[in-house]
PDB file of N, CA and C in Angstrom:
ATOM      1  N   UNK A   1     123.594 170.174 139.493  1.00  0.00           N
ATOM      2  CA  UNK A   1     124.095 170.128 138.139  1.00  0.00           C
ATOM      3  C   UNK A   1     122.910 170.214 137.189  1.00  0.00           C
ATOM      4  N   UNK A   2     123.028 171.100 136.232  1.00  0.00           N
ATOM      5  CA  UNK A   2     121.978 171.269 135.229  1.00  0.00           C
ATOM      6  C   UNK A   2     122.627 171.119 133.861  1.00  0.00           C
ATOM      7  N   UNK A   3     122.135 170.223 133.049  1.00  0.00           N
ATOM      8  CA  UNK A   3     122.788 169.915 131.780  1.00  0.00           C
ATOM      9  C   UNK A   3     122.633 171.001 130.722  1.00  0.00           C
ATOM     10  N   UNK A   4     121.768 171.964 130.926  1.00  0.00           N
ATOM     11  CA  UNK A   4     121.587 173.025 129.933  1.00  0.00           C
ATOM     12  C   UNK A   4     122.199 174.353 130.346  1.00  0.00           C
ATOM     13  N   UNK A   5     122.626 174.475 131.576  1.00  0.00           N
ATOM     14  CA  UNK A   5     123.252 175.712 132.029  1.00  0.00           C
ATOM     15  C   UNK A   5     124.111 175.453 133.249  1.00  0.00           C
ATOM     16  N   UNK A   6     125.423 175.553 133.109  1.00  0.00           N
ATOM     17  CA  UNK A   6     126.303 175.267 134.243  1.00  0.00           C
ATOM     18  C   UNK A   6     127.553 176.135 134.157  1.00  0.00           C
ATOM     19  N   UNK A   7     128.279 176.191 135.247  1.00  0.00           N
ATOM     20  CA  UNK A   7     129.516 176.956 135.326  1.00  0.00           C
ATOM     21  C   UNK A   7     130.696 176.005 135.266  1.00  0.00           C
ATOM     22  N   UNK A   8     131.701 176.401 134.524  1.00  0.00           N
ATOM     23  CA  UNK A   8     132.936 175.637 134.433  1.00  0.00           C
ATOM     24  C   UNK A   8     134.078 176.626 134.518  1.00  0.00           C
ATOM     25  N   UNK A   9     135.001 176.385 135.431  1.00  0.00           N
ATOM     26  CA  UNK A   9     136.145 177.274 135.620  1.00  0.00           C
ATOM     27  C   UNK A   9     137.378 176.573 135.107  1.00  0.00           C
ATOM     28  N   UNK A  10     138.093 177.227 134.187  1.00  0.00           N
ATOM     29  CA  UNK A  10     139.319 176.663 133.632  1.00  0.00           C
ATOM     30  C   UNK A  10     140.391 177.746 133.655  1.00  0.00           C
ATOM     31  N   UNK A  11     141.643 177.346 133.865  1.00  0.00           N
ATOM     32  CA  UNK A  11     142.731 178.325 133.902  1.00  0.00           C
ATOM     33  C   UNK A  11     144.019 177.712 133.380  1.00  0.00           C
ATOM     34  N   UNK A  12     144.881 178.583 132.829  1.00  0.00           N
ATOM     35  CA  UNK A  12     146.206 178.168 132.382  1.00  0.00           C
ATOM     36  C   UNK A  12     146.175 177.328 131.127  1.00  0.00           C
ATOM     37  N   UNK A  13     147.316 176.768 130.797  1.00  0.00           N
ATOM     38  CA  UNK A  13     147.403 175.785 129.718  1.00  0.00           C
ATOM     39  C   UNK A  13     146.953 176.229 128.350  1.00  0.00           C
ATOM     40  N   UNK A  14     147.128 177.488 127.994  1.00  0.00           N
ATOM     41  CA  UNK A  14     146.780 177.939 126.654  1.00  0.00           C
ATOM     42  C   UNK A  14     145.402 178.541 126.508  1.00  0.00           C
ATOM     43  N   UNK A  15     144.750 178.843 127.611  1.00  0.00           N
ATOM     44  CA  UNK A  15     143.429 179.472 127.560  1.00  0.00           C
ATOM     45  C   UNK A  15     143.549 180.987 127.637  1.00  0.00           C
ATOM     46  N   UNK A  16     142.586 181.684 127.038  1.00  0.00           N
ATOM     47  CA  UNK A  16     142.533 183.139 127.170  1.00  0.00           C
ATOM     48  C   UNK A  16     142.271 183.496 128.623  1.00  0.00           C
ATOM     49  N   UNK A  17     142.797 184.632 129.032  1.00  0.00           N
ATOM     50  CA  UNK A  17     142.641 185.065 130.423  1.00  0.00           C
ATOM     51  C   UNK A  17     141.438 185.994 130.575  1.00  0.00           C
ATOM     52  N   UNK A  18     140.753 185.876 131.698  1.00  0.00           N
ATOM     53  CA  UNK A  18     139.716 186.818 132.091  1.00  0.00           C
ATOM     54  C   UNK A  18     138.511 186.913 131.188  1.00  0.00           C
ATOM     55  N   UNK A  19     138.086 185.812 130.605  1.00  0.00           N
ATOM     56  CA  UNK A  19     136.915 185.858 129.731  1.00  0.00           C
ATOM     57  C   UNK A  19     135.769 185.055 130.326  1.00  0.00           C
ATOM     58  N   UNK A  20     134.598 185.374 129.867  1.00  0.00           N
ATOM     59  CA  UNK A  20     133.405 184.601 130.176  1.00  0.00           C
ATOM     60  C   UNK A  20     132.842 184.156 128.834  1.00  0.00           C
ATOM     61  N   UNK A  21     132.532 182.887 128.692  1.00  0.00           N
ATOM     62  CA  UNK A  21     132.059 182.351 127.423  1.00  0.00           C
ATOM     63  C   UNK A  21     130.650 181.823 127.611  1.00  0.00           C
ATOM     64  N   UNK A  22     129.694 182.371 126.876  1.00  0.00           N
ATOM     65  CA  UNK A  22     128.317 181.911 126.943  1.00  0.00           C
ATOM     66  C   UNK A  22     127.514 182.589 128.034  1.00  0.00           C
ATOM     67  N   UNK A  23     126.208 182.373 127.977  1.00  0.00           N
ATOM     68  CA  UNK A  23     125.292 182.940 128.965  1.00  0.00           C
ATOM     69  C   UNK A  23     124.004 182.125 128.969  1.00  0.00           C
ATOM     70  N   UNK A  24     123.309 182.175 130.104  1.00  0.00           N
ATOM     71  CA  UNK A  24     122.015 181.497 130.221  1.00  0.00           C
ATOM     72  C   UNK A  24     120.908 182.530 130.341  1.00  0.00           C
ATOM     73  N   UNK A  25     119.670 182.054 130.292  1.00  0.00           N
ATOM     74  CA  UNK A  25     118.539 182.949 130.514  1.00  0.00           C
ATOM     75  C   UNK A  25     118.527 183.386 131.982  1.00  0.00           C
ATOM     76  N   UNK A  26     117.569 184.210 132.354  1.00  0.00           N
ATOM     77  CA  UNK A  26     117.510 184.773 133.710  1.00  0.00           C
ATOM     78  C   UNK A  26     117.429 183.709 134.799  1.00  0.00           C
ATOM     79  N   UNK A  27     116.836 182.564 134.493  1.00  0.00           N
ATOM     80  CA  UNK A  27     116.684 181.498 135.480  1.00  0.00           C
ATOM     81  C   UNK A  27     117.828 180.478 135.434  1.00  0.00           C
ATOM     82  N   UNK A  28     118.731 180.615 134.485  1.00  0.00           N
ATOM     83  CA  UNK A  28     119.824 179.659 134.351  1.00  0.00           C
ATOM     84  C   UNK A  28     119.376 178.315 133.807  1.00  0.00           C
ATOM     85  N   UNK A  29     118.265 178.305 133.107  1.00  0.00           N
ATOM     86  CA  UNK A  29     117.697 177.049 132.616  1.00  0.00           C
ATOM     87  C   UNK A  29     118.159 176.673 131.210  1.00  0.00           C
ATOM     88  N   UNK A  30     118.469 177.680 130.380  1.00  0.00           N
ATOM     89  CA  UNK A  30     118.818 177.407 128.989  1.00  0.00           C
ATOM     90  C   UNK A  30     119.952 178.319 128.540  1.00  0.00           C
ATOM     91  N   UNK A  31     120.845 177.765 127.741  1.00  0.00           N
ATOM     92  CA  UNK A  31     121.914 178.572 127.155  1.00  0.00           C
ATOM     93  C   UNK A  31     121.308 179.475 126.086  1.00  0.00           C
ATOM     94  N   UNK A  32     121.616 180.761 126.163  1.00  0.00           N
ATOM     95  CA  UNK A  32     121.091 181.709 125.185  1.00  0.00           C
ATOM     96  C   UNK A  32     122.207 182.344 124.357  1.00  0.00           C
ATOM     97  N   UNK A  33     123.457 182.130 124.771  1.00  0.00           N
ATOM     98  CA  UNK A  33     124.598 182.679 124.035  1.00  0.00           C
ATOM     99  C   UNK A  33     125.723 181.647 124.053  1.00  0.00           C
ATOM    100  N   UNK A  34     126.259 181.323 122.892  1.00  0.00           N
ATOM    101  CA  UNK A  34     127.369 180.371 122.752  1.00  0.00           C
ATOM    102  C   UNK A  34     127.146 179.059 123.504  1.00  0.00           C
ATOM    103  N   UNK A  35     126.081 178.334 123.222  1.00  0.00           N
ATOM    104  CA  UNK A  35     125.888 177.057 123.917  1.00  0.00           C
ATOM    105  C   UNK A  35     127.025 176.086 123.590  1.00  0.00           C
ATOM    106  N   UNK A  36     127.486 175.363 124.595  1.00  0.00           N
ATOM    107  CA  UNK A  36     128.562 174.387 124.410  1.00  0.00           C
ATOM    108  C   UNK A  36     128.154 173.078 125.073  1.00  0.00           C
ATOM    109  N   UNK A  37     128.438 171.986 124.412  1.00  0.00           N
ATOM    110  CA  UNK A  37     128.149 170.650 124.931  1.00  0.00           C
ATOM    111  C   UNK A  37     129.388 170.130 125.651  1.00  0.00           C
ATOM    112  N   UNK A  38     129.220 169.171 126.528  1.00  0.00           N
ATOM    113  CA  UNK A  38     130.364 168.592 127.236  1.00  0.00           C
ATOM    114  C   UNK A  38     131.375 168.002 126.255  1.00  0.00           C
ATOM    115  N   UNK A  39     130.916 167.527 125.094  1.00  0.00           N
ATOM    116  CA  UNK A  39     131.840 167.028 124.072  1.00  0.00           C
ATOM    117  C   UNK A  39     132.751 168.153 123.568  1.00  0.00           C
ATOM    118  N   UNK A  40     132.218 169.383 123.506  1.00  0.00           N
ATOM    119  CA  UNK A  40     133.038 170.527 123.101  1.00  0.00           C
ATOM    120  C   UNK A  40     134.108 170.829 124.152  1.00  0.00           C
ATOM    121  N   UNK A  41     133.745 170.716 125.420  1.00  0.00           N
ATOM    122  CA  UNK A  41     134.714 170.931 126.503  1.00  0.00           C
ATOM    123  C   UNK A  41     135.813 169.869 126.421  1.00  0.00           C
ATOM    124  N   UNK A  42     135.420 168.612 126.241  1.00  0.00           N
ATOM    125  CA  UNK A  42     136.406 167.531 126.114  1.00  0.00           C
ATOM    126  C   UNK A  42     137.324 167.771 124.913  1.00  0.00           C
ATOM    127  N   UNK A  43     136.749 168.137 123.770  1.00  0.00           N
ATOM    128  CA  UNK A  43     137.551 168.386 122.569  1.00  0.00           C
ATOM    129  C   UNK A  43     138.546 169.517 122.804  1.00  0.00           C
ATOM    130  N   UNK A  44     138.122 170.552 123.514  1.00  0.00           N
ATOM    131  CA  UNK A  44     138.994 171.696 123.786  1.00  0.00           C
ATOM    132  C   UNK A  44     140.133 171.311 124.719  1.00  0.00           C
ATOM    133  N   UNK A  45     139.838 170.585 125.779  1.00  0.00           N
ATOM    134  CA  UNK A  45     140.885 170.152 126.713  1.00  0.00           C
ATOM    135  C   UNK A  45     141.879 169.232 126.005  1.00  0.00           C
ATOM    136  N   UNK A  46     141.390 168.294 125.208  1.00  0.00           N
ATOM    137  CA  UNK A  46     142.287 167.402 124.470  1.00  0.00           C
ATOM    138  C   UNK A  46     143.160 168.192 123.497  1.00  0.00           C
ATOM    139  N   UNK A  47     142.576 169.193 122.838  1.00  0.00           N
ATOM    140  CA  UNK A  47     143.332 170.058 121.931  1.00  0.00           C
ATOM    141  C   UNK A  47     144.458 170.766 122.681  1.00  0.00           C
ATOM    142  N   UNK A  48     144.151 171.283 123.865  1.00  0.00           N
ATOM    143  CA  UNK A  48     145.155 171.974 124.671  1.00  0.00           C
ATOM    144  C   UNK A  48     146.254 171.023 125.146  1.00  0.00           C
ATOM    145  N   UNK A  49     145.946 169.744 125.241  1.00  0.00           N
ATOM    146  CA  UNK A  49     146.937 168.730 125.607  1.00  0.00           C
ATOM    147  C   UNK A  49     147.724 168.226 124.396  1.00  0.00           C
ATOM    148  N   UNK A  50     147.379 168.750 123.213  1.00  0.00           N
ATOM    149  CA  UNK A  50     148.082 168.348 122.001  1.00  0.00           C
ATOM    150  C   UNK A  50     147.548 167.083 121.366  1.00  0.00           C
ATOM    151  N   UNK A  51     146.334 166.687 121.726  1.00  0.00           N
ATOM    152  CA  UNK A  51     145.730 165.463 121.194  1.00  0.00           C
ATOM    153  C   UNK A  51     144.599 165.803 120.227  1.00  0.00           C
ATOM    154  N   UNK A  52     144.498 165.036 119.155  1.00  0.00           N
ATOM    155  CA  UNK A  52     143.423 165.210 118.184  1.00  0.00           C
ATOM    156  C   UNK A  52     142.216 164.406 118.657  1.00  0.00           C
ATOM    157  N   UNK A  53     141.179 165.091 119.075  1.00  0.00           N
ATOM    158  CA  UNK A  53     140.009 164.401 119.636  1.00  0.00           C
ATOM    159  C   UNK A  53     139.301 163.524 118.619  1.00  0.00           C
ATOM    160  N   UNK A  54     139.499 163.775 117.336  1.00  0.00           N
ATOM    161  CA  UNK A  54     138.859 162.951 116.318  1.00  0.00           C
ATOM    162  C   UNK A  54     139.616 161.646 116.080  1.00  0.00           C
ATOM    163  N   UNK A  55     140.866 161.578 116.517  1.00  0.00           N
ATOM    164  CA  UNK A  55     141.670 160.366 116.332  1.00  0.00           C
ATOM    165  C   UNK A  55     141.839 159.570 117.614  1.00  0.00           C
ATOM    166  N   UNK A  56     141.625 160.202 118.769  1.00  0.00           N
ATOM    167  CA  UNK A  56     141.789 159.527 120.053  1.00  0.00           C
ATOM    168  C   UNK A  56     140.592 158.609 120.309  1.00  0.00           C
ATOM    169  N   UNK A  57     140.853 157.314 120.430  1.00  0.00           N
ATOM    170  CA  UNK A  57     139.780 156.348 120.681  1.00  0.00           C
ATOM    171  C   UNK A  57     140.153 155.456 121.861  1.00  0.00           C
ATOM    172  N   UNK A  58     139.136 154.833 122.420  1.00  0.00           N
ATOM    173  CA  UNK A  58     139.356 153.829 123.459  1.00  0.00           C
ATOM    174  C   UNK A  58     138.388 152.684 123.210  1.00  0.00           C
ATOM    175  N   UNK A  59     138.724 151.523 123.719  1.00  0.00           N
ATOM    176  CA  UNK A  59     137.928 150.319 123.505  1.00  0.00           C
ATOM    177  C   UNK A  59     136.818 150.242 124.547  1.00  0.00           C
ATOM    178  N   UNK A  60     135.575 150.075 124.101  1.00  0.00           N
ATOM    179  CA  UNK A  60     134.433 149.921 125.001  1.00  0.00           C
ATOM    180  C   UNK A  60     133.451 148.949 124.356  1.00  0.00           C
ATOM    181  N   UNK A  61     133.113 147.900 125.083  1.00  0.00           N
ATOM    182  CA  UNK A  61     132.198 146.875 124.558  1.00  0.00           C
ATOM    183  C   UNK A  61     132.625 146.374 123.178  1.00  0.00           C
ATOM    184  N   UNK A  62     133.899 146.093 123.049  1.00  0.00           N
ATOM    185  CA  UNK A  62     134.475 145.517 121.825  1.00  0.00           C
ATOM    186  C   UNK A  62     134.433 146.446 120.616  1.00  0.00           C
ATOM    187  N   UNK A  63     134.331 147.736 120.844  1.00  0.00           N
ATOM    188  CA  UNK A  63     134.393 148.661 119.712  1.00  0.00           C
ATOM    189  C   UNK A  63     135.166 149.913 120.114  1.00  0.00           C
ATOM    190  N   UNK A  64     135.750 150.570 119.132  1.00  0.00           N
ATOM    191  CA  UNK A  64     136.491 151.801 119.374  1.00  0.00           C
ATOM    192  C   UNK A  64     135.521 152.980 119.391  1.00  0.00           C
ATOM    193  N   UNK A  65     135.591 153.774 120.443  1.00  0.00           N
ATOM    194  CA  UNK A  65     134.735 154.959 120.555  1.00  0.00           C
ATOM    195  C   UNK A  65     135.606 156.163 120.897  1.00  0.00           C
ATOM    196  N   UNK A  66     135.054 157.359 120.661  1.00  0.00           N
ATOM    197  CA  UNK A  66     135.762 158.594 120.975  1.00  0.00           C
ATOM    198  C   UNK A  66     135.143 159.237 122.204  1.00  0.00           C
ATOM    199  N   UNK A  67     135.977 159.861 123.017  1.00  0.00           N
ATOM    200  CA  UNK A  67     135.496 160.588 124.182  1.00  0.00           C
ATOM    201  C   UNK A  67     134.512 161.677 123.766  1.00  0.00           C
ATOM    202  N   UNK A  68     134.757 162.287 122.620  1.00  0.00           N
ATOM    203  CA  UNK A  68     133.911 163.383 122.149  1.00  0.00           C
ATOM    204  C   UNK A  68     132.797 162.908 121.224  1.00  0.00           C
ATOM    205  N   UNK A  69     132.595 161.599 121.125  1.00  0.00           N
ATOM    206  CA  UNK A  69     131.591 161.028 120.230  1.00  0.00           C
ATOM    207  C   UNK A  69     131.858 161.578 118.827  1.00  0.00           C
ATOM    208  N   UNK A  70     130.852 161.931 118.077  1.00  0.00           N
ATOM    209  CA  UNK A  70     131.056 162.529 116.753  1.00  0.00           C
ATOM    210  C   UNK A  70     130.659 164.000 116.744  1.00  0.00           C
ATOM    211  N   UNK A  71     130.373 164.549 117.909  1.00  0.00           N
ATOM    212  CA  UNK A  71     129.804 165.888 117.981  1.00  0.00           C
ATOM    213  C   UNK A  71     130.754 166.973 118.476  1.00  0.00           C
ATOM    214  N   UNK A  72     131.843 166.625 119.145  1.00  0.00           N
ATOM    215  CA  UNK A  72     132.685 167.621 119.795  1.00  0.00           C
ATOM    216  C   UNK A  72     133.422 168.539 118.838  1.00  0.00           C
ATOM    217  N   UNK A  73     133.476 169.821 119.183  1.00  0.00           N
ATOM    218  CA  UNK A  73     134.237 170.820 118.437  1.00  0.00           C
ATOM    219  C   UNK A  73     135.092 171.607 119.416  1.00  0.00           C
ATOM    220  N   UNK A  74     136.322 171.922 119.004  1.00  0.00           N
ATOM    221  CA  UNK A  74     137.196 172.733 119.844  1.00  0.00           C
ATOM    222  C   UNK A  74     136.613 174.143 119.931  1.00  0.00           C
ATOM    223  N   UNK A  75     136.537 174.681 121.137  1.00  0.00           N
ATOM    224  CA  UNK A  75     136.044 176.047 121.352  1.00  0.00           C
ATOM    225  C   UNK A  75     137.214 177.011 121.164  1.00  0.00           C
ATOM    226  N   UNK A  76     137.504 177.348 119.908  1.00  0.00           N
ATOM    227  CA  UNK A  76     138.657 178.193 119.593  1.00  0.00           C
ATOM    228  C   UNK A  76     138.533 179.588 120.201  1.00  0.00           C
ATOM    229  N   UNK A  77     137.321 180.013 120.521  1.00  0.00           N
ATOM    230  CA  UNK A  77     137.112 181.344 121.105  1.00  0.00           C
ATOM    231  C   UNK A  77     137.728 181.480 122.496  1.00  0.00           C
ATOM    232  N   UNK A  78     137.984 180.356 123.179  1.00  0.00           N
ATOM    233  CA  UNK A  78     138.572 180.439 124.521  1.00  0.00           C
ATOM    234  C   UNK A  78     140.047 180.046 124.539  1.00  0.00           C
ATOM    235  N   UNK A  79     140.568 179.611 123.381  1.00  0.00           N
ATOM    236  CA  UNK A  79     141.975 179.213 123.285  1.00  0.00           C
ATOM    237  C   UNK A  79     142.812 180.446 122.962  1.00  0.00           C
ATOM    238  N   UNK A  80     143.904 180.630 123.721  1.00  0.00           N
ATOM    239  CA  UNK A  80     144.773 181.802 123.509  1.00  0.00           C
ATOM    240  C   UNK A  80     145.560 181.663 122.219  1.00  0.00           C
TER     241      UNK A  80
END
């Protein structure tokens, strides 16, 4: 697992078919096209489930936190 360049396969549930989103350099070390953070992936999946990632919170250490922190954005380019 590499935090700056990895593969994620998703299908169905309102996603565009047959697309590739983003690219890494020749060594797979850095995102060079459409970099996405794991918070963006979480925000997109929650969006596809009909949930607002900015309103969904859970209790952790006596405080409300979001799965997507404050950084997640829905990747509308992959949503059908």
